[in-house]
Amino acid sequence: MLRKLVLSLAAASLLAAGAADAATKPAKKAKPSPTSGVVLINTNLGLAGGSAAGTGIVLTKTGEVLTNNHVIAGATSITVTVPASGKSYTANVVGYDISDDVALIQLKGAANLATATFGSSAKLKLGQTTRAVGNAEGGGKLVQTVGKVTGLNQTIQVQDDYGDLRQLSTLVRTSARLVPGDSGGPLLDAATNKVVGMDAAGSANFQFNTSSTGYAIAIDKVLTLGRQIAAQKASTLVHIGATAFIGVSPQDTPGGVVIQSIVPDSPAAQTGLQPGDVLTSIDGTAVQTTDDLRTLLFQHHPDDSLTLGYTDSSGNAQTATITLASGPPQ
């Protein structure tokens, strides 16, 4: 009887010790949902008379959202919808990097949003299974596709809506199918559902010069740029805040940039510029192409004043002082 009692006490001690270990051992974190922290983005392209759709990745609970720059380029208004709740927010552009195709927007009045869970693109390996999530074709719901990593540290050429060619680098190539509308959404490590890239699917105004399935910007690079923008650190590539706007539709011409049309009530209209005038300089710096014009304006902000040099329809050289307004992001 004594032996049985001792064994019973020992078993009870072991059970108690096991229960204590279970109580002190941290619970294993649940795998995040692949759609957690993913939002739908719709933009109004007021000056172009159209609209566009894309996807965003929620960075903070208070509504900082990462997306591709080409998703918000030209937007006169931005609406963001959280699929889980159906709640929609208007958004402001915090800043953007045209060259690397990354933008950060801020949802107005947002709080307690579910955020994405981020991994590291530095740990990706060829053949690794990935999952892409996005607002495919602007359909208003999140669609998931699965594929594998087929290339790392890729560089490709893209063409924007101005017809300009430029390069995107530090890309992950994936066989997961990406379509317009997926732009700005997450590429996930399928094993953990952690974000390892930001999808950069082509769209009507942003086309890949390649037949490969899909590309995503490595998330380590995206987060570095996102944090720079959030910290309000401008550079030659990163624009912070509202975009300067003069209100002209430009086209390259020998000797400068010809004005095709002028937005009513814009700074250009108020200054007296006319269609057919040729812009030749900004603050004494020569303007020879539309890219020159955009690059020079990129360094300015609304309410800045500058001097435009131009040639009027009679061939006379003129100058005009213009105060910049706020316009859509480039």
C-alpha atoms as a PDB file:
ATOM      1  CA  MET A   1       0.000   0.000   0.000  1.00  0.00           C
ATOM      2  CA  LEU A   2       2.845   2.330   0.879  1.00  0.00           C
ATOM      3  CA  ARG A   3       4.522   1.602  -2.481  1.00  0.00           C
ATOM      4  CA  LYS A   4       1.282   2.463  -4.332  1.00  0.00           C
ATOM      5  CA  LEU A   5       0.972   5.715  -2.396  1.00  0.00           C
ATOM      6  CA  VAL A   6       4.556   6.703  -3.203  1.00  0.00           C
ATOM      7  CA  LEU A   7       4.003   5.931  -6.899  1.00  0.00           C
ATOM      8  CA  SER A   8       0.768   7.917  -6.909  1.00  0.00           C
ATOM      9  CA  LEU A   9       2.485  10.882  -5.310  1.00  0.00           C
ATOM     10  CA  ALA A  10       5.331  10.684  -7.820  1.00  0.00           C
ATOM     11  CA  ALA A  11       2.886  10.557 -10.734  1.00  0.00           C
ATOM     12  CA  ALA A  12       1.014  13.534  -9.319  1.00  0.00           C
ATOM     13  CA  SER A  13       4.295  15.439  -9.024  1.00  0.00           C
ATOM     14  CA  LEU A  14       5.159  14.666 -12.631  1.00  0.00           C
ATOM     15  CA  LEU A  15       1.725  15.794 -13.802  1.00  0.00           C
ATOM     16  CA  ALA A  16       2.029  18.994 -11.776  1.00  0.00           C
ATOM     17  CA  ALA A  17       5.485  19.649 -13.213  1.00  0.00           C
ATOM     18  CA  GLY A  18       4.183  19.044 -16.717  1.00  0.00           C
ATOM     19  CA  ALA A  19       1.293  21.440 -16.155  1.00  0.00           C
ATOM     20  CA  ALA A  20       3.694  24.077 -14.839  1.00  0.00           C
ATOM     21  CA  ASP A  21       5.947  23.671 -17.898  1.00  0.00           C
ATOM     22  CA  ALA A  22       2.922  24.018 -20.186  1.00  0.00           C
ATOM     23  CA  ALA A  23       1.840  27.130 -18.344  1.00  0.00           C
ATOM     24  CA  THR A  24       5.264  28.795 -18.621  1.00  0.00           C
ATOM     25  CA  LYS A  25       6.064  27.657 -22.187  1.00  0.00           C
ATOM     26  CA  PRO A  26       5.068  30.420 -24.664  1.00  0.00           C
ATOM     27  CA  ALA A  27       2.197  29.483 -26.940  1.00  0.00           C
ATOM     28  CA  LYS A  28       3.130  28.916 -30.567  1.00  0.00           C
ATOM     29  CA  LYS A  29       2.063  31.864 -32.732  1.00  0.00           C
ATOM     30  CA  ALA A  30      -0.741  31.105 -35.133  1.00  0.00           C
ATOM     31  CA  LYS A  31       0.090  31.384 -38.833  1.00  0.00           C
ATOM     32  CA  PRO A  32      -1.308  34.712 -40.073  1.00  0.00           C
ATOM     33  CA  SER A  33      -4.079  34.730 -42.630  1.00  0.00           C
ATOM     34  CA  PRO A  34      -2.770  35.402 -46.161  1.00  0.00           C
ATOM     35  CA  THR A  35      -5.284  38.247 -46.509  1.00  0.00           C
ATOM     36  CA  SER A  36      -4.499  39.906 -43.178  1.00  0.00           C
ATOM     37  CA  GLY A  37      -3.377  43.495 -43.741  1.00  0.00           C
ATOM     38  CA  VAL A  38      -4.260  43.485 -47.453  1.00  0.00           C
ATOM     39  CA  VAL A  39      -6.540  46.248 -48.778  1.00  0.00           C
ATOM     40  CA  LEU A  40      -8.205  47.261 -52.039  1.00  0.00           C
ATOM     41  CA  ILE A  41      -7.218  50.570 -53.652  1.00  0.00           C
ATOM     42  CA  ASN A  42      -9.302  52.506 -56.170  1.00  0.00           C
ATOM     43  CA  THR A  43      -8.217  55.815 -57.689  1.00  0.00           C
ATOM     44  CA  ASN A  44      -9.937  58.536 -59.672  1.00  0.00           C
ATOM     45  CA  LEU A  45      -7.750  59.864 -62.487  1.00  0.00           C
ATOM     46  CA  GLY A  46      -9.648  63.124 -62.774  1.00  0.00           C
ATOM     47  CA  LEU A  47      -7.351  64.874 -65.243  1.00  0.00           C
ATOM     48  CA  ALA A  48      -7.193  61.827 -67.502  1.00  0.00           C
ATOM     49  CA  GLY A  49     -10.919  61.142 -67.213  1.00  0.00           C
ATOM     50  CA  GLY A  50     -10.524  57.587 -65.924  1.00  0.00           C
ATOM     51  CA  SER A  51     -10.010  55.356 -62.911  1.00  0.00           C
ATOM     52  CA  ALA A  52      -7.630  52.626 -61.774  1.00  0.00           C
ATOM     53  CA  ALA A  53      -7.460  49.866 -59.184  1.00  0.00           C
ATOM     54  CA  GLY A  54      -4.725  48.162 -57.203  1.00  0.00           C
ATOM     55  CA  THR A  55      -3.829  46.625 -53.871  1.00  0.00           C
ATOM     56  CA  GLY A  56      -2.097  47.798 -50.691  1.00  0.00           C
ATOM     57  CA  ILE A  57      -0.225  46.308 -47.731  1.00  0.00           C
ATOM     58  CA  VAL A  58      -1.088  47.741 -44.300  1.00  0.00           C
ATOM     59  CA  LEU A  59       2.074  48.826 -42.512  1.00  0.00           C
ATOM     60  CA  THR A  60       0.598  50.351 -39.322  1.00  0.00           C
ATOM     61  CA  LYS A  61      -2.647  50.071 -37.370  1.00  0.00           C
ATOM     62  CA  THR A  62      -3.231  53.791 -37.881  1.00  0.00           C
ATOM     63  CA  GLY A  63      -3.457  53.415 -41.646  1.00  0.00           C
ATOM     64  CA  GLU A  64      -0.062  53.721 -43.306  1.00  0.00           C
ATOM     65  CA  VAL A  65      -0.309  51.573 -46.440  1.00  0.00           C
ATOM     66  CA  LEU A  66       2.402  50.544 -48.884  1.00  0.00           C
ATOM     67  CA  THR A  67       1.638  50.166 -52.578  1.00  0.00           C
ATOM     68  CA  ASN A  68       3.245  50.621 -55.988  1.00  0.00           C
ATOM     69  CA  ASN A  69       3.755  54.184 -57.166  1.00  0.00           C
ATOM     70  CA  HIS A  70       2.106  53.326 -60.474  1.00  0.00           C
ATOM     71  CA  VAL A  71      -1.095  52.430 -58.554  1.00  0.00           C
ATOM     72  CA  ILE A  72      -1.510  56.010 -57.304  1.00  0.00           C
ATOM     73  CA  ALA A  73       0.214  57.948 -60.113  1.00  0.00           C
ATOM     74  CA  GLY A  74      -2.142  60.543 -61.597  1.00  0.00           C
ATOM     75  CA  ALA A  75      -4.748  60.036 -58.862  1.00  0.00           C
ATOM     76  CA  THR A  76      -6.893  63.043 -57.966  1.00  0.00           C
ATOM     77  CA  SER A  77      -8.553  60.982 -55.216  1.00  0.00           C
ATOM     78  CA  ILE A  78      -7.808  57.638 -53.549  1.00  0.00           C
ATOM     79  CA  THR A  79     -10.261  55.297 -51.809  1.00  0.00           C
ATOM     80  CA  VAL A  80      -9.085  52.295 -49.781  1.00  0.00           C
ATOM     81  CA  THR A  81     -11.386  49.471 -48.676  1.00  0.00           C
ATOM     82  CA  VAL A  82     -10.661  46.895 -45.950  1.00  0.00           C
ATOM     83  CA  PRO A  83     -12.218  43.666 -47.302  1.00  0.00           C
ATOM     84  CA  ALA A  84     -12.742  42.067 -43.875  1.00  0.00           C
ATOM     85  CA  SER A  85     -14.938  44.908 -42.588  1.00  0.00           C
ATOM     86  CA  GLY A  86     -16.093  46.470 -45.846  1.00  0.00           C
ATOM     87  CA  LYS A  87     -15.121  49.869 -44.423  1.00  0.00           C
ATOM     88  CA  SER A  88     -13.702  52.429 -46.847  1.00  0.00           C
ATOM     89  CA  TYR A  89     -11.343  55.344 -46.230  1.00  0.00           C
ATOM     90  CA  THR A  90     -10.054  58.227 -48.284  1.00  0.00           C
ATOM     91  CA  ALA A  91      -6.271  58.464 -48.411  1.00  0.00           C
ATOM     92  CA  ASN A  92      -3.531  61.038 -48.837  1.00  0.00           C
ATOM     93  CA  VAL A  93      -0.169  60.393 -50.480  1.00  0.00           C
ATOM     94  CA  VAL A  94       2.631  60.613 -47.905  1.00  0.00           C
ATOM     95  CA  GLY A  95       5.353  60.234 -50.509  1.00  0.00           C
ATOM     96  CA  TYR A  96       6.616  58.107 -53.370  1.00  0.00           C
ATOM     97  CA  ASP A  97       9.646  56.887 -55.291  1.00  0.00           C
ATOM     98  CA  ILE A  98       8.996  56.776 -59.048  1.00  0.00           C
ATOM     99  CA  SER A  99      12.266  55.009 -59.863  1.00  0.00           C
ATOM    100  CA  ASP A 100      11.664  52.089 -57.477  1.00  0.00           C
ATOM    101  CA  ASP A 101       7.853  52.123 -57.888  1.00  0.00           C
ATOM    102  CA  VAL A 102       7.057  52.393 -54.169  1.00  0.00           C
ATOM    103  CA  ALA A 103       4.523  54.704 -52.508  1.00  0.00           C
ATOM    104  CA  LEU A 104       3.206  55.230 -48.993  1.00  0.00           C
ATOM    105  CA  ILE A 105      -0.341  56.487 -48.419  1.00  0.00           C
ATOM    106  CA  GLN A 106      -2.170  57.420 -45.218  1.00  0.00           C
ATOM    107  CA  LEU A 107      -5.786  56.438 -44.598  1.00  0.00           C
ATOM    108  CA  LYS A 108      -7.801  59.235 -42.999  1.00  0.00           C
ATOM    109  CA  GLY A 109      -9.352  58.359 -39.623  1.00  0.00           C
ATOM    110  CA  ALA A 110      -8.076  54.769 -39.584  1.00  0.00           C
ATOM    111  CA  ALA A 111      -7.428  52.967 -36.289  1.00  0.00           C
ATOM    112  CA  ASN A 112      -6.876  49.396 -35.104  1.00  0.00           C
ATOM    113  CA  LEU A 113      -6.352  48.034 -38.611  1.00  0.00           C
ATOM    114  CA  ALA A 114      -4.988  44.524 -39.053  1.00  0.00           C
ATOM    115  CA  THR A 115      -1.416  44.794 -40.292  1.00  0.00           C
ATOM    116  CA  ALA A 116       0.583  42.508 -42.545  1.00  0.00           C
ATOM    117  CA  THR A 117       3.265  40.226 -41.114  1.00  0.00           C
ATOM    118  CA  PHE A 118       6.613  40.831 -42.786  1.00  0.00           C
ATOM    119  CA  GLY A 119       9.400  38.371 -43.477  1.00  0.00           C
ATOM    120  CA  SER A 120      12.761  38.927 -45.154  1.00  0.00           C
ATOM    121  CA  SER A 121      13.381  38.705 -48.886  1.00  0.00           C
ATOM    122  CA  ALA A 122      17.072  38.047 -48.149  1.00  0.00           C
ATOM    123  CA  LYS A 123      16.166  34.500 -47.085  1.00  0.00           C
ATOM    124  CA  LEU A 124      14.282  33.557 -50.250  1.00  0.00           C
ATOM    125  CA  LYS A 125      15.468  30.575 -52.270  1.00  0.00           C
ATOM    126  CA  LEU A 126      14.794  29.422 -55.815  1.00  0.00           C
ATOM    127  CA  GLY A 127      11.898  26.978 -55.932  1.00  0.00           C
ATOM    128  CA  GLN A 128      10.351  28.285 -52.713  1.00  0.00           C
ATOM    129  CA  THR A 129       6.534  28.238 -52.795  1.00  0.00           C
ATOM    130  CA  THR A 130       4.909  31.654 -52.778  1.00  0.00           C
ATOM    131  CA  ARG A 131       1.366  32.995 -52.653  1.00  0.00           C
ATOM    132  CA  ALA A 132       0.272  36.276 -54.269  1.00  0.00           C
ATOM    133  CA  VAL A 133      -2.787  38.170 -53.018  1.00  0.00           C
ATOM    134  CA  GLY A 134      -4.417  41.059 -54.844  1.00  0.00           C
ATOM    135  CA  ASN A 135      -7.387  42.940 -56.234  1.00  0.00           C
ATOM    136  CA  ALA A 136      -7.193  41.011 -59.512  1.00  0.00           C
ATOM    137  CA  GLU A 137      -8.482  43.017 -62.489  1.00  0.00           C
ATOM    138  CA  GLY A 138      -9.939  45.519 -59.994  1.00  0.00           C
ATOM    139  CA  GLY A 139     -12.724  43.054 -59.212  1.00  0.00           C
ATOM    140  CA  GLY A 140     -13.226  44.324 -55.673  1.00  0.00           C
ATOM    141  CA  LYS A 141     -12.217  41.117 -53.892  1.00  0.00           C
ATOM    142  CA  LEU A 142      -8.934  39.514 -52.927  1.00  0.00           C
ATOM    143  CA  VAL A 143      -7.749  36.696 -55.182  1.00  0.00           C
ATOM    144  CA  GLN A 144      -4.918  34.311 -54.290  1.00  0.00           C
ATOM    145  CA  THR A 145      -2.565  32.534 -56.686  1.00  0.00           C
ATOM    146  CA  VAL A 146       0.241  30.103 -55.856  1.00  0.00           C
ATOM    147  CA  GLY A 147       3.593  29.662 -57.581  1.00  0.00           C
ATOM    148  CA  LYS A 148       7.307  29.328 -56.948  1.00  0.00           C
ATOM    149  CA  VAL A 149      10.280  31.672 -56.836  1.00  0.00           C
ATOM    150  CA  THR A 150      11.887  31.407 -60.279  1.00  0.00           C
ATOM    151  CA  GLY A 151      14.417  34.240 -60.020  1.00  0.00           C
ATOM    152  CA  LEU A 152      16.107  36.486 -57.454  1.00  0.00           C
ATOM    153  CA  ASN A 153      17.621  39.975 -57.697  1.00  0.00           C
ATOM    154  CA  GLN A 154      16.075  40.472 -61.132  1.00  0.00           C
ATOM    155  CA  THR A 155      16.170  43.652 -63.241  1.00  0.00           C
ATOM    156  CA  ILE A 156      13.551  44.351 -65.908  1.00  0.00           C
ATOM    157  CA  GLN A 157      12.516  47.207 -68.172  1.00  0.00           C
ATOM    158  CA  VAL A 158       9.086  48.847 -67.870  1.00  0.00           C
ATOM    159  CA  GLN A 159       7.249  51.472 -69.886  1.00  0.00           C
ATOM    160  CA  ASP A 160       5.094  54.117 -68.194  1.00  0.00           C
ATOM    161  CA  ASP A 161       2.099  56.023 -69.563  1.00  0.00           C
ATOM    162  CA  TYR A 162       4.415  58.741 -70.927  1.00  0.00           C
ATOM    163  CA  GLY A 163       6.090  56.112 -73.096  1.00  0.00           C
ATOM    164  CA  ASP A 164       9.323  56.411 -71.096  1.00  0.00           C
ATOM    165  CA  LEU A 165      11.390  53.270 -70.533  1.00  0.00           C
ATOM    166  CA  ARG A 166      13.055  52.668 -67.194  1.00  0.00           C
ATOM    167  CA  GLN A 167      14.396  49.827 -65.106  1.00  0.00           C
ATOM    168  CA  LEU A 168      13.105  48.167 -61.957  1.00  0.00           C
ATOM    169  CA  SER A 169      15.665  46.232 -59.946  1.00  0.00           C
ATOM    170  CA  THR A 170      15.925  44.043 -56.815  1.00  0.00           C
ATOM    171  CA  LEU A 171      12.948  41.998 -57.989  1.00  0.00           C
ATOM    172  CA  VAL A 172      11.719  38.519 -57.171  1.00  0.00           C
ATOM    173  CA  ARG A 173      10.405  36.600 -60.192  1.00  0.00           C
ATOM    174  CA  THR A 174       7.513  34.279 -59.420  1.00  0.00           C
ATOM    175  CA  SER A 175       5.388  31.807 -61.347  1.00  0.00           C
ATOM    176  CA  ALA A 176       2.367  32.900 -59.280  1.00  0.00           C
ATOM    177  CA  ARG A 177      -0.020  34.487 -61.790  1.00  0.00           C
ATOM    178  CA  LEU A 178      -0.214  38.282 -61.486  1.00  0.00           C
ATOM    179  CA  VAL A 179      -2.673  40.480 -63.380  1.00  0.00           C
ATOM    180  CA  PRO A 180      -3.493  44.227 -63.393  1.00  0.00           C
ATOM    181  CA  GLY A 181      -5.061  45.119 -60.059  1.00  0.00           C
ATOM    182  CA  ASP A 182      -2.652  42.869 -58.139  1.00  0.00           C
ATOM    183  CA  SER A 183      -0.102  45.708 -58.166  1.00  0.00           C
ATOM    184  CA  GLY A 184       0.896  46.720 -54.650  1.00  0.00           C
ATOM    185  CA  GLY A 185      -0.283  43.477 -53.070  1.00  0.00           C
ATOM    186  CA  PRO A 186       1.865  41.060 -51.087  1.00  0.00           C
ATOM    187  CA  LEU A 187       3.918  38.147 -52.330  1.00  0.00           C
ATOM    188  CA  LEU A 188       3.929  35.742 -49.391  1.00  0.00           C
ATOM    189  CA  ASP A 189       6.136  32.883 -48.286  1.00  0.00           C
ATOM    190  CA  ALA A 190       3.452  30.180 -48.549  1.00  0.00           C
ATOM    191  CA  ALA A 191       4.857  28.286 -45.540  1.00  0.00           C
ATOM    192  CA  THR A 192       4.523  31.211 -43.116  1.00  0.00           C
ATOM    193  CA  ASN A 193       2.239  33.737 -44.905  1.00  0.00           C
ATOM    194  CA  LYS A 194       4.848  36.410 -44.215  1.00  0.00           C
ATOM    195  CA  VAL A 195       5.288  39.149 -46.833  1.00  0.00           C
ATOM    196  CA  VAL A 196       8.500  38.720 -48.838  1.00  0.00           C
ATOM    197  CA  GLY A 197       7.712  41.020 -51.765  1.00  0.00           C
ATOM    198  CA  MET A 198       5.331  43.631 -53.135  1.00  0.00           C
ATOM    199  CA  ASP A 199       3.732  42.583 -56.401  1.00  0.00           C
ATOM    200  CA  ALA A 200       4.431  44.888 -59.339  1.00  0.00           C
ATOM    201  CA  ALA A 201       1.962  43.542 -61.878  1.00  0.00           C
ATOM    202  CA  GLY A 202       1.692  45.406 -65.146  1.00  0.00           C
ATOM    203  CA  SER A 203      -1.290  47.637 -65.853  1.00  0.00           C
ATOM    204  CA  ALA A 204      -2.646  49.778 -68.661  1.00  0.00           C
ATOM    205  CA  ASN A 205      -0.208  52.584 -67.813  1.00  0.00           C
ATOM    206  CA  PHE A 206       2.713  50.468 -66.573  1.00  0.00           C
ATOM    207  CA  GLN A 207       3.850  47.673 -68.875  1.00  0.00           C
ATOM    208  CA  PHE A 208       6.588  45.097 -68.524  1.00  0.00           C
ATOM    209  CA  ASN A 209       8.724  44.564 -71.619  1.00  0.00           C
ATOM    210  CA  THR A 210       8.887  40.850 -70.847  1.00  0.00           C
ATOM    211  CA  SER A 211       6.703  37.766 -71.172  1.00  0.00           C
ATOM    212  CA  SER A 212       7.557  36.333 -67.760  1.00  0.00           C
ATOM    213  CA  THR A 213       4.711  35.624 -65.372  1.00  0.00           C
ATOM    214  CA  GLY A 214       5.191  38.051 -62.518  1.00  0.00           C
ATOM    215  CA  TYR A 215       7.568  40.155 -60.484  1.00  0.00           C
ATOM    216  CA  ALA A 216       7.575  41.515 -56.951  1.00  0.00           C
ATOM    217  CA  ILE A 217       9.841  44.138 -55.407  1.00  0.00           C
ATOM    218  CA  ALA A 218      11.895  42.549 -52.623  1.00  0.00           C
ATOM    219  CA  ILE A 219      10.215  43.460 -49.337  1.00  0.00           C
ATOM    220  CA  ASP A 220      13.471  44.457 -47.618  1.00  0.00           C
ATOM    221  CA  LYS A 221      13.846  47.240 -50.189  1.00  0.00           C
ATOM    222  CA  VAL A 222      10.160  48.209 -49.953  1.00  0.00           C
ATOM    223  CA  LEU A 223      10.298  48.537 -46.162  1.00  0.00           C
ATOM    224  CA  THR A 224      13.492  50.605 -46.306  1.00  0.00           C
ATOM    225  CA  LEU A 225      11.849  53.053 -48.721  1.00  0.00           C
ATOM    226  CA  GLY A 226       8.564  53.029 -46.800  1.00  0.00           C
ATOM    227  CA  ARG A 227      10.321  53.974 -43.577  1.00  0.00           C
ATOM    228  CA  GLN A 228      12.274  56.717 -45.355  1.00  0.00           C
ATOM    229  CA  ILE A 229       9.027  58.181 -46.674  1.00  0.00           C
ATOM    230  CA  ALA A 230       7.315  57.866 -43.283  1.00  0.00           C
ATOM    231  CA  ALA A 231      10.256  59.755 -41.730  1.00  0.00           C
ATOM    232  CA  GLN A 232       9.695  62.555 -44.299  1.00  0.00           C
ATOM    233  CA  LYS A 233      13.200  62.191 -45.741  1.00  0.00           C
ATOM    234  CA  ALA A 234      13.126  63.477 -49.319  1.00  0.00           C
ATOM    235  CA  SER A 235      15.870  62.738 -51.845  1.00  0.00           C
ATOM    236  CA  THR A 236      16.482  63.057 -55.564  1.00  0.00           C
ATOM    237  CA  LEU A 237      14.337  59.925 -55.990  1.00  0.00           C
ATOM    238  CA  VAL A 238      11.877  60.202 -53.085  1.00  0.00           C
ATOM    239  CA  HIS A 239       9.206  62.917 -53.142  1.00  0.00           C
ATOM    240  CA  ILE A 240       7.490  63.811 -49.875  1.00  0.00           C
ATOM    241  CA  GLY A 241       4.031  65.359 -49.623  1.00  0.00           C
ATOM    242  CA  ALA A 242       1.796  66.897 -52.269  1.00  0.00           C
ATOM    243  CA  THR A 243       2.969  67.116 -55.871  1.00  0.00           C
ATOM    244  CA  ALA A 244       3.615  70.455 -57.596  1.00  0.00           C
ATOM    245  CA  PHE A 245       1.310  71.153 -60.543  1.00  0.00           C
ATOM    246  CA  ILE A 246       1.332  73.746 -63.319  1.00  0.00           C
ATOM    247  CA  GLY A 247      -1.619  72.399 -65.312  1.00  0.00           C
ATOM    248  CA  VAL A 248      -0.306  71.646 -68.788  1.00  0.00           C
ATOM    249  CA  SER A 249      -0.380  68.627 -71.067  1.00  0.00           C
ATOM    250  CA  PRO A 250       3.171  68.526 -72.491  1.00  0.00           C
ATOM    251  CA  GLN A 251       4.698  66.901 -75.532  1.00  0.00           C
ATOM    252  CA  ASP A 252       8.295  66.780 -76.708  1.00  0.00           C
ATOM    253  CA  THR A 253       9.155  69.059 -79.612  1.00  0.00           C
ATOM    254  CA  PRO A 254      12.479  70.328 -81.050  1.00  0.00           C
ATOM    255  CA  GLY A 255      13.827  73.033 -78.733  1.00  0.00           C
ATOM    256  CA  GLY A 256      11.628  72.279 -75.714  1.00  0.00           C
ATOM    257  CA  VAL A 257       8.240  71.015 -74.607  1.00  0.00           C
ATOM    258  CA  VAL A 258       5.121  72.167 -76.415  1.00  0.00           C
ATOM    259  CA  ILE A 259       1.919  72.771 -74.442  1.00  0.00           C
ATOM    260  CA  GLN A 260      -0.877  70.723 -76.025  1.00  0.00           C
ATOM    261  CA  SER A 261      -3.626  71.806 -73.632  1.00  0.00           C
ATOM    262  CA  ILE A 262      -4.074  73.716 -70.371  1.00  0.00           C
ATOM    263  CA  VAL A 263      -6.213  72.793 -67.355  1.00  0.00           C
ATOM    264  CA  PRO A 264      -8.781  75.553 -66.661  1.00  0.00           C
ATOM    265  CA  ASP A 265      -8.032  77.687 -63.572  1.00  0.00           C
ATOM    266  CA  SER A 266      -4.609  76.074 -63.223  1.00  0.00           C
ATOM    267  CA  PRO A 267      -1.435  78.101 -62.560  1.00  0.00           C
ATOM    268  CA  ALA A 268      -0.589  77.912 -66.277  1.00  0.00           C
ATOM    269  CA  ALA A 269      -4.008  79.285 -67.226  1.00  0.00           C
ATOM    270  CA  GLN A 270      -3.750  82.071 -64.649  1.00  0.00           C
ATOM    271  CA  THR A 271      -0.291  83.005 -65.923  1.00  0.00           C
ATOM    272  CA  GLY A 272      -1.588  83.422 -69.455  1.00  0.00           C
ATOM    273  CA  LEU A 273       0.208  80.525 -71.133  1.00  0.00           C
ATOM    274  CA  GLN A 274      -1.476  79.249 -74.291  1.00  0.00           C
ATOM    275  CA  PRO A 275      -1.596  75.925 -76.161  1.00  0.00           C
ATOM    276  CA  GLY A 276       1.239  75.980 -78.672  1.00  0.00           C
ATOM    277  CA  ASP A 277       3.646  77.809 -76.363  1.00  0.00           C
ATOM    278  CA  VAL A 278       6.943  75.933 -75.962  1.00  0.00           C
ATOM    279  CA  LEU A 279       8.440  75.626 -72.474  1.00  0.00           C
ATOM    280  CA  THR A 280      12.218  76.040 -72.603  1.00  0.00           C
ATOM    281  CA  SER A 281      13.402  76.491 -68.994  1.00  0.00           C
ATOM    282  CA  ILE A 282      12.510  76.458 -65.287  1.00  0.00           C
ATOM    283  CA  ASP A 283      14.422  78.894 -63.076  1.00  0.00           C
ATOM    284  CA  GLY A 284      17.109  79.118 -65.763  1.00  0.00           C
ATOM    285  CA  THR A 285      17.560  75.342 -66.171  1.00  0.00           C
ATOM    286  CA  ALA A 286      16.903  74.157 -69.727  1.00  0.00           C
ATOM    287  CA  VAL A 287      13.813  72.045 -70.401  1.00  0.00           C
ATOM    288  CA  GLN A 288      14.330  69.929 -73.509  1.00  0.00           C
ATOM    289  CA  THR A 289      11.998  66.989 -72.847  1.00  0.00           C
ATOM    290  CA  THR A 290       8.867  66.154 -70.854  1.00  0.00           C
ATOM    291  CA  ASP A 291      11.115  64.086 -68.597  1.00  0.00           C
ATOM    292  CA  ASP A 292      13.180  67.215 -67.872  1.00  0.00           C
ATOM    293  CA  LEU A 293       9.964  69.047 -66.976  1.00  0.00           C
ATOM    294  CA  ARG A 294       8.772  66.299 -64.607  1.00  0.00           C
ATOM    295  CA  THR A 295      12.205  65.965 -62.995  1.00  0.00           C
ATOM    296  CA  LEU A 296      12.442  69.695 -62.249  1.00  0.00           C
ATOM    297  CA  LEU A 297       8.879  69.897 -60.924  1.00  0.00           C
ATOM    298  CA  PHE A 298       9.518  66.784 -58.791  1.00  0.00           C
ATOM    299  CA  GLN A 299      11.879  68.835 -56.601  1.00  0.00           C
ATOM    300  CA  HIS A 300       9.191  71.462 -55.884  1.00  0.00           C
ATOM    301  CA  HIS A 301       6.017  71.610 -53.795  1.00  0.00           C
ATOM    302  CA  PRO A 302       2.681  73.442 -53.992  1.00  0.00           C
ATOM    303  CA  ASP A 303       2.934  77.194 -53.279  1.00  0.00           C
ATOM    304  CA  ASP A 304       6.534  77.344 -54.516  1.00  0.00           C
ATOM    305  CA  SER A 305       7.143  80.110 -57.066  1.00  0.00           C
ATOM    306  CA  LEU A 306       9.340  79.637 -60.102  1.00  0.00           C
ATOM    307  CA  THR A 307      10.161  81.334 -63.387  1.00  0.00           C
ATOM    308  CA  LEU A 308       9.132  79.647 -66.610  1.00  0.00           C
ATOM    309  CA  GLY A 309      10.951  80.403 -69.831  1.00  0.00           C
ATOM    310  CA  TYR A 310       8.927  79.800 -72.971  1.00  0.00           C
ATOM    311  CA  THR A 311       8.554  80.697 -76.623  1.00  0.00           C
ATOM    312  CA  ASP A 312       5.124  81.974 -77.650  1.00  0.00           C
ATOM    313  CA  SER A 313       3.273  81.151 -80.868  1.00  0.00           C
ATOM    314  CA  SER A 314       4.900  84.159 -82.571  1.00  0.00           C
ATOM    315  CA  GLY A 315       8.379  82.838 -81.816  1.00  0.00           C
ATOM    316  CA  ASN A 316       9.118  85.426 -79.098  1.00  0.00           C
ATOM    317  CA  ALA A 317      11.066  84.387 -76.003  1.00  0.00           C
ATOM    318  CA  GLN A 318       9.068  85.086 -72.833  1.00  0.00           C
ATOM    319  CA  THR A 319       9.290  84.520 -69.077  1.00  0.00           C
ATOM    320  CA  ALA A 320       6.537  84.212 -66.504  1.00  0.00           C
ATOM    321  CA  THR A 321       6.511  83.800 -62.722  1.00  0.00           C
ATOM    322  CA  ILE A 322       4.165  81.020 -61.668  1.00  0.00           C
ATOM    323  CA  THR A 323       2.970  79.814 -58.247  1.00  0.00           C
ATOM    324  CA  LEU A 324       2.576  76.049 -58.187  1.00  0.00           C
ATOM    325  CA  ALA A 325      -0.677  74.369 -57.184  1.00  0.00           C
ATOM    326  CA  SER A 326      -1.269  70.883 -55.741  1.00  0.00           C
ATOM    327  CA  GLY A 327      -1.809  68.150 -58.295  1.00  0.00           C
ATOM    328  CA  PRO A 328      -1.826  64.360 -58.694  1.00  0.00           C
ATOM    329  CA  PRO A 329       1.311  62.345 -57.897  1.00  0.00           C
ATOM    330  CA  GLN A 330       3.624  61.626 -60.806  1.00  0.00           C
END
